[in-house]
């Protein structure tokens, strides 16, 4: 898998459930489930977790333009308002309807 990912052209356009997007965007959105649900599970267990900054940055870049589509699936709450100076992690969570403590 690592070899495949290392040789994939991140700018190549491919079909996805969001329409035609770059390989880079497909990979970033694929990370959303384990990344955000890690946070969800930690919150439910009362555990503080800091998400991987690189994964957050990649996911935030991919999700920001289509965040409203995630809420329409019913799997995510509508985006929350958040200050402009919020951390990338907090911005990502807010886009997906989650309020970080």
PDB file of N, CA and C in Angstrom:
ATOM      1  N   UNK A   1       0.821  -1.181   0.000  1.00  0.00           N
ATOM      2  CA  UNK A   1       0.000   0.000   0.000  1.00  0.00           C
ATOM      3  C   UNK A   1       0.870   1.252   0.000  1.00  0.00           C
ATOM      4  N   UNK A   2       1.911   1.245   0.823  1.00  0.00           N
ATOM      5  CA  UNK A   2       2.789   2.415   0.883  1.00  0.00           C
ATOM      6  C   UNK A   2       3.444   2.670  -0.474  1.00  0.00           C
ATOM      7  N   UNK A   3       3.885   1.599  -1.148  1.00  0.00           N
ATOM      8  CA  UNK A   3       4.513   1.748  -2.467  1.00  0.00           C
ATOM      9  C   UNK A   3       3.512   2.340  -3.465  1.00  0.00           C
ATOM     10  N   UNK A   4       2.291   1.858  -3.427  1.00  0.00           N
ATOM     11  CA  UNK A   4       1.253   2.376  -4.308  1.00  0.00           C
ATOM     12  C   UNK A   4       0.997   3.855  -4.034  1.00  0.00           C
ATOM     13  N   UNK A   5       0.899   4.203  -2.773  1.00  0.00           N
ATOM     14  CA  UNK A   5       0.653   5.598  -2.420  1.00  0.00           C
ATOM     15  C   UNK A   5       1.818   6.497  -2.803  1.00  0.00           C
ATOM     16  N   UNK A   6       3.034   5.983  -2.669  1.00  0.00           N
ATOM     17  CA  UNK A   6       4.216   6.773  -3.023  1.00  0.00           C
ATOM     18  C   UNK A   6       4.323   7.017  -4.522  1.00  0.00           C
ATOM     19  N   UNK A   7       3.730   6.159  -5.328  1.00  0.00           N
ATOM     20  CA  UNK A   7       3.829   6.315  -6.782  1.00  0.00           C
ATOM     21  C   UNK A   7       2.578   6.936  -7.393  1.00  0.00           C
ATOM     22  N   UNK A   8       1.532   7.115  -6.623  1.00  0.00           N
ATOM     23  CA  UNK A   8       0.289   7.694  -7.147  1.00  0.00           C
ATOM     24  C   UNK A   8       0.488   9.178  -7.443  1.00  0.00           C
ATOM     25  N   UNK A   9      -0.056   9.628  -8.560  1.00  0.00           N
ATOM     26  CA  UNK A   9      -0.013  11.047  -8.913  1.00  0.00           C
ATOM     27  C   UNK A   9      -1.115  11.754  -8.136  1.00  0.00           C
ATOM     28  N   UNK A  10      -0.777  12.584  -7.153  1.00  0.00           N
ATOM     29  CA  UNK A  10      -1.801  13.212  -6.312  1.00  0.00           C
ATOM     30  C   UNK A  10      -2.717  14.162  -7.085  1.00  0.00           C
ATOM     31  N   UNK A  11      -2.291  14.615  -8.248  1.00  0.00           N
ATOM     32  CA  UNK A  11      -3.088  15.560  -9.027  1.00  0.00           C
ATOM     33  C   UNK A  11      -3.966  14.895 -10.088  1.00  0.00           C
ATOM     34  N   UNK A  12      -3.807  13.576 -10.256  1.00  0.00           N
ATOM     35  CA  UNK A  12      -4.642  12.867 -11.230  1.00  0.00           C
ATOM     36  C   UNK A  12      -6.093  12.926 -10.786  1.00  0.00           C
ATOM     37  N   UNK A  13      -7.002  13.126 -11.723  1.00  0.00           N
ATOM     38  CA  UNK A  13      -8.423  13.213 -11.404  1.00  0.00           C
ATOM     39  C   UNK A  13      -9.066  11.847 -11.565  1.00  0.00           C
ATOM     40  N   UNK A  14      -9.888  11.483 -10.586  1.00  0.00           N
ATOM     41  CA  UNK A  14     -10.570  10.193 -10.577  1.00  0.00           C
ATOM     42  C   UNK A  14     -12.018  10.394 -10.155  1.00  0.00           C
ATOM     43  N   UNK A  15     -12.863   9.433 -10.503  1.00  0.00           N
ATOM     44  CA  UNK A  15     -14.268   9.485 -10.098  1.00  0.00           C
ATOM     45  C   UNK A  15     -14.384   9.147  -8.615  1.00  0.00           C
ATOM     46  N   UNK A  16     -15.273   9.838  -7.927  1.00  0.00           N
ATOM     47  CA  UNK A  16     -15.542   9.556  -6.513  1.00  0.00           C
ATOM     48  C   UNK A  16     -17.005   9.857  -6.235  1.00  0.00           C
ATOM     49  N   UNK A  17     -17.453   9.584  -5.024  1.00  0.00           N
ATOM     50  CA  UNK A  17     -18.834   9.901  -4.665  1.00  0.00           C
ATOM     51  C   UNK A  17     -19.072  11.408  -4.561  1.00  0.00           C
ATOM     52  N   UNK A  18     -18.015  12.199  -4.646  1.00  0.00           N
ATOM     53  CA  UNK A  18     -18.124  13.663  -4.673  1.00  0.00           C
ATOM     54  C   UNK A  18     -17.945  14.194  -6.091  1.00  0.00           C
ATOM     55  N   UNK A  19     -18.018  13.314  -7.065  1.00  0.00           N
ATOM     56  CA  UNK A  19     -17.753  13.717  -8.447  1.00  0.00           C
ATOM     57  C   UNK A  19     -16.289  13.483  -8.774  1.00  0.00           C
ATOM     58  N   UNK A  20     -15.820  14.078  -9.840  1.00  0.00           N
ATOM     59  CA  UNK A  20     -14.420  13.901 -10.230  1.00  0.00           C
ATOM     60  C   UNK A  20     -13.534  14.799  -9.375  1.00  0.00           C
ATOM     61  N   UNK A  21     -12.581  14.179  -8.687  1.00  0.00           N
ATOM     62  CA  UNK A  21     -11.673  14.902  -7.795  1.00  0.00           C
ATOM     63  C   UNK A  21     -10.262  14.349  -7.958  1.00  0.00           C
ATOM     64  N   UNK A  22      -9.305  14.994  -7.333  1.00  0.00           N
ATOM     65  CA  UNK A  22      -7.922  14.525  -7.403  1.00  0.00           C
ATOM     66  C   UNK A  22      -7.706  13.329  -6.480  1.00  0.00           C
ATOM     67  N   UNK A  23      -6.693  12.545  -6.793  1.00  0.00           N
ATOM     68  CA  UNK A  23      -6.307  11.411  -5.942  1.00  0.00           C
ATOM     69  C   UNK A  23      -6.006  11.924  -4.534  1.00  0.00           C
ATOM     70  N   UNK A  24      -5.363  13.058  -4.450  1.00  0.00           N
ATOM     71  CA  UNK A  24      -5.034  13.666  -3.164  1.00  0.00           C
ATOM     72  C   UNK A  24      -6.287  13.892  -2.319  1.00  0.00           C
ATOM     73  N   UNK A  25      -7.357  14.376  -2.940  1.00  0.00           N
ATOM     74  CA  UNK A  25      -8.604  14.617  -2.201  1.00  0.00           C
ATOM     75  C   UNK A  25      -9.252  13.297  -1.781  1.00  0.00           C
ATOM     76  N   UNK A  26      -9.222  12.286  -2.656  1.00  0.00           N
ATOM     77  CA  UNK A  26      -9.792  10.978  -2.303  1.00  0.00           C
ATOM     78  C   UNK A  26      -9.080  10.417  -1.075  1.00  0.00           C
ATOM     79  N   UNK A  27      -7.751  10.497  -1.079  1.00  0.00           N
ATOM     80  CA  UNK A  27      -6.985   9.963   0.051  1.00  0.00           C
ATOM     81  C   UNK A  27      -7.266  10.745   1.335  1.00  0.00           C
ATOM     82  N   UNK A  28      -7.372  12.048   1.214  1.00  0.00           N
ATOM     83  CA  UNK A  28      -7.634  12.866   2.404  1.00  0.00           C
ATOM     84  C   UNK A  28      -9.010  12.574   2.971  1.00  0.00           C
ATOM     85  N   UNK A  29     -10.010  12.397   2.117  1.00  0.00           N
ATOM     86  CA  UNK A  29     -11.338  12.096   2.637  1.00  0.00           C
ATOM     87  C   UNK A  29     -11.420  10.682   3.191  1.00  0.00           C
ATOM     88  N   UNK A  30     -10.574   9.780   2.698  1.00  0.00           N
ATOM     89  CA  UNK A  30     -10.563   8.415   3.229  1.00  0.00           C
ATOM     90  C   UNK A  30     -10.057   8.391   4.670  1.00  0.00           C
ATOM     91  N   UNK A  31      -9.287   9.370   5.042  1.00  0.00           N
ATOM     92  CA  UNK A  31      -8.718   9.452   6.388  1.00  0.00           C
ATOM     93  C   UNK A  31      -9.739   9.964   7.397  1.00  0.00           C
ATOM     94  N   UNK A  32     -10.789  10.610   6.911  1.00  0.00           N
ATOM     95  CA  UNK A  32     -11.736  11.261   7.809  1.00  0.00           C
ATOM     96  C   UNK A  32     -12.352  10.312   8.831  1.00  0.00           C
ATOM     97  N   UNK A  33     -12.761   9.132   8.392  1.00  0.00           N
ATOM     98  CA  UNK A  33     -13.432   8.209   9.313  1.00  0.00           C
ATOM     99  C   UNK A  33     -12.553   7.811  10.499  1.00  0.00           C
ATOM    100  N   UNK A  34     -11.381   7.228  10.263  1.00  0.00           N
ATOM    101  CA  UNK A  34     -10.574   6.848  11.437  1.00  0.00           C
ATOM    102  C   UNK A  34     -10.096   8.053  12.243  1.00  0.00           C
ATOM    103  N   UNK A  35      -9.844   9.158  11.577  1.00  0.00           N
ATOM    104  CA  UNK A  35      -9.345  10.344  12.270  1.00  0.00           C
ATOM    105  C   UNK A  35     -10.410  10.928  13.196  1.00  0.00           C
ATOM    106  N   UNK A  36     -11.559  11.227  12.647  1.00  0.00           N
ATOM    107  CA  UNK A  36     -12.607  11.881  13.440  1.00  0.00           C
ATOM    108  C   UNK A  36     -13.243  10.920  14.436  1.00  0.00           C
ATOM    109  N   UNK A  37     -13.388   9.666  14.066  1.00  0.00           N
ATOM    110  CA  UNK A  37     -13.988   8.726  15.008  1.00  0.00           C
ATOM    111  C   UNK A  37     -13.031   8.364  16.139  1.00  0.00           C
ATOM    112  N   UNK A  38     -11.740   8.530  15.934  1.00  0.00           N
ATOM    113  CA  UNK A  38     -10.786   8.420  17.041  1.00  0.00           C
ATOM    114  C   UNK A  38     -11.128   9.479  18.076  1.00  0.00           C
ATOM    115  N   UNK A  39     -11.369  10.692  17.596  1.00  0.00           N
ATOM    116  CA  UNK A  39     -11.726  11.792  18.486  1.00  0.00           C
ATOM    117  C   UNK A  39     -13.058  11.500  19.176  1.00  0.00           C
ATOM    118  N   UNK A  40     -14.041  11.014  18.404  1.00  0.00           N
ATOM    119  CA  UNK A  40     -15.353  10.691  18.975  1.00  0.00           C
ATOM    120  C   UNK A  40     -15.239   9.677  20.111  1.00  0.00           C
ATOM    121  N   UNK A  41     -14.512   8.608  19.858  1.00  0.00           N
ATOM    122  CA  UNK A  41     -14.365   7.559  20.870  1.00  0.00           C
ATOM    123  C   UNK A  41     -13.631   8.069  22.107  1.00  0.00           C
ATOM    124  N   UNK A  42     -12.605   8.878  21.883  1.00  0.00           N
ATOM    125  CA  UNK A  42     -11.871   9.449  23.019  1.00  0.00           C
ATOM    126  C   UNK A  42     -12.787  10.338  23.854  1.00  0.00           C
ATOM    127  N   UNK A  43     -13.597  11.162  23.188  1.00  0.00           N
ATOM    128  CA  UNK A  43     -14.529  12.025  23.906  1.00  0.00           C
ATOM    129  C   UNK A  43     -15.515  11.207  24.732  1.00  0.00           C
ATOM    130  N   UNK A  44     -16.045  10.148  24.130  1.00  0.00           N
ATOM    131  CA  UNK A  44     -17.012   9.292  24.827  1.00  0.00           C
ATOM    132  C   UNK A  44     -16.392   8.630  26.055  1.00  0.00           C
ATOM    133  N   UNK A  45     -15.089   8.361  25.975  1.00  0.00           N
ATOM    134  CA  UNK A  45     -14.393   7.706  27.083  1.00  0.00           C
ATOM    135  C   UNK A  45     -13.806   8.713  28.074  1.00  0.00           C
ATOM    136  N   UNK A  46     -13.958  10.000  27.783  1.00  0.00           N
ATOM    137  CA  UNK A  46     -13.415  11.025  28.670  1.00  0.00           C
ATOM    138  C   UNK A  46     -11.914  11.163  28.576  1.00  0.00           C
ATOM    139  N   UNK A  47     -11.361  10.827  27.422  1.00  0.00           N
ATOM    140  CA  UNK A  47      -9.910  10.869  27.208  1.00  0.00           C
ATOM    141  C   UNK A  47      -9.571  12.022  26.282  1.00  0.00           C
ATOM    142  N   UNK A  48      -8.572  12.815  26.655  1.00  0.00           N
ATOM    143  CA  UNK A  48      -8.111  13.881  25.771  1.00  0.00           C
ATOM    144  C   UNK A  48      -7.213  13.263  24.707  1.00  0.00           C
ATOM    145  N   UNK A  49      -7.450  13.615  23.460  1.00  0.00           N
ATOM    146  CA  UNK A  49      -6.612  13.135  22.372  1.00  0.00           C
ATOM    147  C   UNK A  49      -6.294  14.308  21.462  1.00  0.00           C
ATOM    148  N   UNK A  50      -5.046  14.373  21.025  1.00  0.00           N
ATOM    149  CA  UNK A  50      -4.625  15.370  20.048  1.00  0.00           C
ATOM    150  C   UNK A  50      -4.425  14.624  18.737  1.00  0.00           C
ATOM    151  N   UNK A  51      -5.149  15.008  17.712  1.00  0.00           N
ATOM    152  CA  UNK A  51      -5.085  14.312  16.433  1.00  0.00           C
ATOM    153  C   UNK A  51      -3.802  14.657  15.683  1.00  0.00           C
ATOM    154  N   UNK A  52      -3.353  13.737  14.863  1.00  0.00           N
ATOM    155  CA  UNK A  52      -2.146  13.922  14.067  1.00  0.00           C
ATOM    156  C   UNK A  52      -2.280  15.172  13.203  1.00  0.00           C
ATOM    157  N   UNK A  53      -1.363  16.113  13.364  1.00  0.00           N
ATOM    158  CA  UNK A  53      -1.444  17.407  12.682  1.00  0.00           C
ATOM    159  C   UNK A  53      -1.412  17.275  11.163  1.00  0.00           C
ATOM    160  N   UNK A  54      -0.591  16.387  10.640  1.00  0.00           N
ATOM    161  CA  UNK A  54      -0.502  16.211   9.185  1.00  0.00           C
ATOM    162  C   UNK A  54      -1.808  15.638   8.630  1.00  0.00           C
ATOM    163  N   UNK A  55      -2.380  14.667   9.322  1.00  0.00           N
ATOM    164  CA  UNK A  55      -3.647  14.086   8.891  1.00  0.00           C
ATOM    165  C   UNK A  55      -4.773  15.119   8.977  1.00  0.00           C
ATOM    166  N   UNK A  56      -4.762  15.914  10.033  1.00  0.00           N
ATOM    167  CA  UNK A  56      -5.769  16.967  10.181  1.00  0.00           C
ATOM    168  C   UNK A  56      -5.655  17.972   9.037  1.00  0.00           C
ATOM    169  N   UNK A  57      -4.434  18.412   8.736  1.00  0.00           N
ATOM    170  CA  UNK A  57      -4.241  19.403   7.669  1.00  0.00           C
ATOM    171  C   UNK A  57      -4.714  18.872   6.322  1.00  0.00           C
ATOM    172  N   UNK A  58      -4.364  17.643   6.005  1.00  0.00           N
ATOM    173  CA  UNK A  58      -4.773  17.059   4.726  1.00  0.00           C
ATOM    174  C   UNK A  58      -6.285  16.895   4.660  1.00  0.00           C
ATOM    175  N   UNK A  59      -6.873  16.441   5.745  1.00  0.00           N
ATOM    176  CA  UNK A  59      -8.314  16.226   5.772  1.00  0.00           C
ATOM    177  C   UNK A  59      -9.058  17.556   5.731  1.00  0.00           C
ATOM    178  N   UNK A  60      -8.589  18.529   6.456  1.00  0.00           N
ATOM    179  CA  UNK A  60      -9.225  19.847   6.479  1.00  0.00           C
ATOM    180  C   UNK A  60      -9.222  20.461   5.081  1.00  0.00           C
ATOM    181  N   UNK A  61      -8.113  20.365   4.383  1.00  0.00           N
ATOM    182  CA  UNK A  61      -8.011  20.904   3.025  1.00  0.00           C
ATOM    183  C   UNK A  61      -9.025  20.241   2.097  1.00  0.00           C
ATOM    184  N   UNK A  62      -9.186  18.929   2.250  1.00  0.00           N
ATOM    185  CA  UNK A  62     -10.111  18.193   1.386  1.00  0.00           C
ATOM    186  C   UNK A  62     -11.565  18.401   1.780  1.00  0.00           C
ATOM    187  N   UNK A  63     -11.845  18.506   3.051  1.00  0.00           N
ATOM    188  CA  UNK A  63     -13.214  18.563   3.551  1.00  0.00           C
ATOM    189  C   UNK A  63     -13.811  19.969   3.467  1.00  0.00           C
ATOM    190  N   UNK A  64     -13.021  20.985   3.701  1.00  0.00           N
ATOM    191  CA  UNK A  64     -13.548  22.354   3.755  1.00  0.00           C
ATOM    192  C   UNK A  64     -14.454  22.719   2.575  1.00  0.00           C
ATOM    193  N   UNK A  65     -14.071  22.423   1.332  1.00  0.00           N
ATOM    194  CA  UNK A  65     -14.944  22.823   0.217  1.00  0.00           C
ATOM    195  C   UNK A  65     -16.240  22.015   0.110  1.00  0.00           C
ATOM    196  N   UNK A  66     -16.317  20.864   0.749  1.00  0.00           N
ATOM    197  CA  UNK A  66     -17.495  19.998   0.602  1.00  0.00           C
ATOM    198  C   UNK A  66     -18.143  19.637   1.934  1.00  0.00           C
ATOM    199  N   UNK A  67     -17.817  20.351   2.988  1.00  0.00           N
ATOM    200  CA  UNK A  67     -18.310  20.004   4.325  1.00  0.00           C
ATOM    201  C   UNK A  67     -19.830  19.980   4.391  1.00  0.00           C
ATOM    202  N   UNK A  68     -20.480  20.871   3.655  1.00  0.00           N
ATOM    203  CA  UNK A  68     -21.946  20.893   3.682  1.00  0.00           C
ATOM    204  C   UNK A  68     -22.534  19.586   3.158  1.00  0.00           C
ATOM    205  N   UNK A  69     -21.842  18.902   2.262  1.00  0.00           N
ATOM    206  CA  UNK A  69     -22.316  17.623   1.737  1.00  0.00           C
ATOM    207  C   UNK A  69     -22.268  16.530   2.800  1.00  0.00           C
ATOM    208  N   UNK A  70     -21.320  16.627   3.716  1.00  0.00           N
ATOM    209  CA  UNK A  70     -21.223  15.624   4.773  1.00  0.00           C
ATOM    210  C   UNK A  70     -22.436  15.704   5.686  1.00  0.00           C
ATOM    211  N   UNK A  71     -22.891  16.906   5.996  1.00  0.00           N
ATOM    212  CA  UNK A  71     -24.059  17.059   6.867  1.00  0.00           C
ATOM    213  C   UNK A  71     -25.319  16.515   6.201  1.00  0.00           C
ATOM    214  N   UNK A  72     -25.437  16.644   4.892  1.00  0.00           N
ATOM    215  CA  UNK A  72     -26.642  16.175   4.207  1.00  0.00           C
ATOM    216  C   UNK A  72     -26.753  14.656   4.178  1.00  0.00           C
ATOM    217  N   UNK A  73     -25.662  13.951   4.469  1.00  0.00           N
ATOM    218  CA  UNK A  73     -25.725  12.486   4.502  1.00  0.00           C
ATOM    219  C   UNK A  73     -26.409  11.989   5.763  1.00  0.00           C
ATOM    220  N   UNK A  74     -26.487  12.845   6.786  1.00  0.00           N
ATOM    221  CA  UNK A  74     -27.047  12.436   8.057  1.00  0.00           C
ATOM    222  C   UNK A  74     -26.029  11.777   8.974  1.00  0.00           C
ATOM    223  N   UNK A  75     -24.833  11.533   8.466  1.00  0.00           N
ATOM    224  CA  UNK A  75     -23.783  10.911   9.279  1.00  0.00           C
ATOM    225  C   UNK A  75     -23.023  11.951  10.101  1.00  0.00           C
ATOM    226  N   UNK A  76     -23.144  13.205   9.725  1.00  0.00           N
ATOM    227  CA  UNK A  76     -22.454  14.289  10.420  1.00  0.00           C
ATOM    228  C   UNK A  76     -23.457  15.386  10.711  1.00  0.00           C
ATOM    229  N   UNK A  77     -23.228  16.107  11.784  1.00  0.00           N
ATOM    230  CA  UNK A  77     -24.066  17.261  12.106  1.00  0.00           C
ATOM    231  C   UNK A  77     -23.645  18.439  11.233  1.00  0.00           C
ATOM    232  N   UNK A  78     -24.507  19.431  11.101  1.00  0.00           N
ATOM    233  CA  UNK A  78     -24.121  20.631  10.345  1.00  0.00           C
ATOM    234  C   UNK A  78     -22.901  21.298  10.980  1.00  0.00           C
ATOM    235  N   UNK A  79     -22.159  22.007  10.153  1.00  0.00           N
ATOM    236  CA  UNK A  79     -20.954  22.701  10.624  1.00  0.00           C
ATOM    237  C   UNK A  79     -21.304  23.704  11.718  1.00  0.00           C
ATOM    238  N   UNK A  80     -20.395  23.850  12.655  1.00  0.00           N
ATOM    239  CA  UNK A  80     -20.537  24.822  13.734  1.00  0.00           C
ATOM    240  C   UNK A  80     -19.699  26.052  13.421  1.00  0.00           C
ATOM    241  N   UNK A  81     -20.121  27.202  13.921  1.00  0.00           N
ATOM    242  CA  UNK A  81     -19.322  28.415  13.786  1.00  0.00           C
ATOM    243  C   UNK A  81     -18.112  28.304  14.700  1.00  0.00           C
ATOM    244  N   UNK A  82     -17.009  28.829  14.217  1.00  0.00           N
ATOM    245  CA  UNK A  82     -15.781  28.787  15.018  1.00  0.00           C
ATOM    246  C   UNK A  82     -14.941  30.006  14.657  1.00  0.00           C
ATOM    247  N   UNK A  83     -14.132  30.465  15.597  1.00  0.00           N
ATOM    248  CA  UNK A  83     -13.323  31.669  15.363  1.00  0.00           C
ATOM    249  C   UNK A  83     -12.264  31.418  14.295  1.00  0.00           C
ATOM    250  N   UNK A  84     -11.894  32.482  13.633  1.00  0.00           N
ATOM    251  CA  UNK A  84     -10.898  32.413  12.562  1.00  0.00           C
ATOM    252  C   UNK A  84      -9.532  31.945  13.066  1.00  0.00           C
ATOM    253  N   UNK A  85      -9.237  32.203  14.334  1.00  0.00           N
ATOM    254  CA  UNK A  85      -7.922  31.834  14.856  1.00  0.00           C
ATOM    255  C   UNK A  85      -7.902  30.448  15.520  1.00  0.00           C
ATOM    256  N   UNK A  86      -8.959  29.678  15.324  1.00  0.00           N
ATOM    257  CA  UNK A  86      -9.013  28.321  15.899  1.00  0.00           C
ATOM    258  C   UNK A  86      -7.941  27.435  15.262  1.00  0.00           C
ATOM    259  N   UNK A  87      -7.511  26.442  16.002  1.00  0.00           N
ATOM    260  CA  UNK A  87      -6.508  25.508  15.482  1.00  0.00           C
ATOM    261  C   UNK A  87      -7.107  24.704  14.324  1.00  0.00           C
ATOM    262  N   UNK A  88      -6.263  24.154  13.461  1.00  0.00           N
ATOM    263  CA  UNK A  88      -6.778  23.318  12.378  1.00  0.00           C
ATOM    264  C   UNK A  88      -7.635  22.156  12.892  1.00  0.00           C
ATOM    265  N   UNK A  89      -7.223  21.536  14.002  1.00  0.00           N
ATOM    266  CA  UNK A  89      -8.005  20.441  14.572  1.00  0.00           C
ATOM    267  C   UNK A  89      -9.404  20.907  14.948  1.00  0.00           C
ATOM    268  N   UNK A  90      -9.499  22.030  15.627  1.00  0.00           N
ATOM    269  CA  UNK A  90     -10.810  22.558  16.022  1.00  0.00           C
ATOM    270  C   UNK A  90     -11.639  22.962  14.804  1.00  0.00           C
ATOM    271  N   UNK A  91     -10.992  23.510  13.771  1.00  0.00           N
ATOM    272  CA  UNK A  91     -11.727  23.878  12.555  1.00  0.00           C
ATOM    273  C   UNK A  91     -12.300  22.641  11.883  1.00  0.00           C
ATOM    274  N   UNK A  92     -11.495  21.567  11.787  1.00  0.00           N
ATOM    275  CA  UNK A  92     -11.972  20.325  11.180  1.00  0.00           C
ATOM    276  C   UNK A  92     -13.159  19.768  11.963  1.00  0.00           C
ATOM    277  N   UNK A  93     -13.018  19.699  13.258  1.00  0.00           N
ATOM    278  CA  UNK A  93     -14.099  19.162  14.085  1.00  0.00           C
ATOM    279  C   UNK A  93     -15.366  19.997  13.948  1.00  0.00           C
ATOM    280  N   UNK A  94     -15.228  21.316  13.916  1.00  0.00           N
ATOM    281  CA  UNK A  94     -16.389  22.198  13.770  1.00  0.00           C
ATOM    282  C   UNK A  94     -17.054  22.009  12.412  1.00  0.00           C
ATOM    283  N   UNK A  95     -16.266  21.818  11.364  1.00  0.00           N
ATOM    284  CA  UNK A  95     -16.839  21.572  10.030  1.00  0.00           C
ATOM    285  C   UNK A  95     -17.712  20.328  10.025  1.00  0.00           C
ATOM    286  N   UNK A  96     -17.374  19.381  10.887  1.00  0.00           N
ATOM    287  CA  UNK A  96     -18.110  18.132  10.950  1.00  0.00           C
ATOM    288  C   UNK A  96     -19.102  18.089  12.105  1.00  0.00           C
ATOM    289  N   UNK A  97     -19.429  19.261  12.652  1.00  0.00           N
ATOM    290  CA  UNK A  97     -20.468  19.371  13.661  1.00  0.00           C
ATOM    291  C   UNK A  97     -20.050  18.959  15.048  1.00  0.00           C
ATOM    292  N   UNK A  98     -18.767  18.965  15.313  1.00  0.00           N
ATOM    293  CA  UNK A  98     -18.280  18.561  16.629  1.00  0.00           C
ATOM    294  C   UNK A  98     -17.698  19.767  17.361  1.00  0.00           C
ATOM    295  N   UNK A  99     -18.001  19.853  18.644  1.00  0.00           N
ATOM    296  CA  UNK A  99     -17.486  20.950  19.461  1.00  0.00           C
ATOM    297  C   UNK A  99     -16.391  20.418  20.377  1.00  0.00           C
ATOM    298  N   UNK A 100     -15.190  20.873  20.138  1.00  0.00           N
ATOM    299  CA  UNK A 100     -14.067  20.469  20.985  1.00  0.00           C
ATOM    300  C   UNK A 100     -14.167  21.194  22.317  1.00  0.00           C
ATOM    301  N   UNK A 101     -13.845  20.486  23.401  1.00  0.00           N
ATOM    302  CA  UNK A 101     -13.924  21.139  24.732  1.00  0.00           C
ATOM    303  C   UNK A 101     -12.899  22.249  24.885  1.00  0.00           C
TER     304      UNK A 101
END
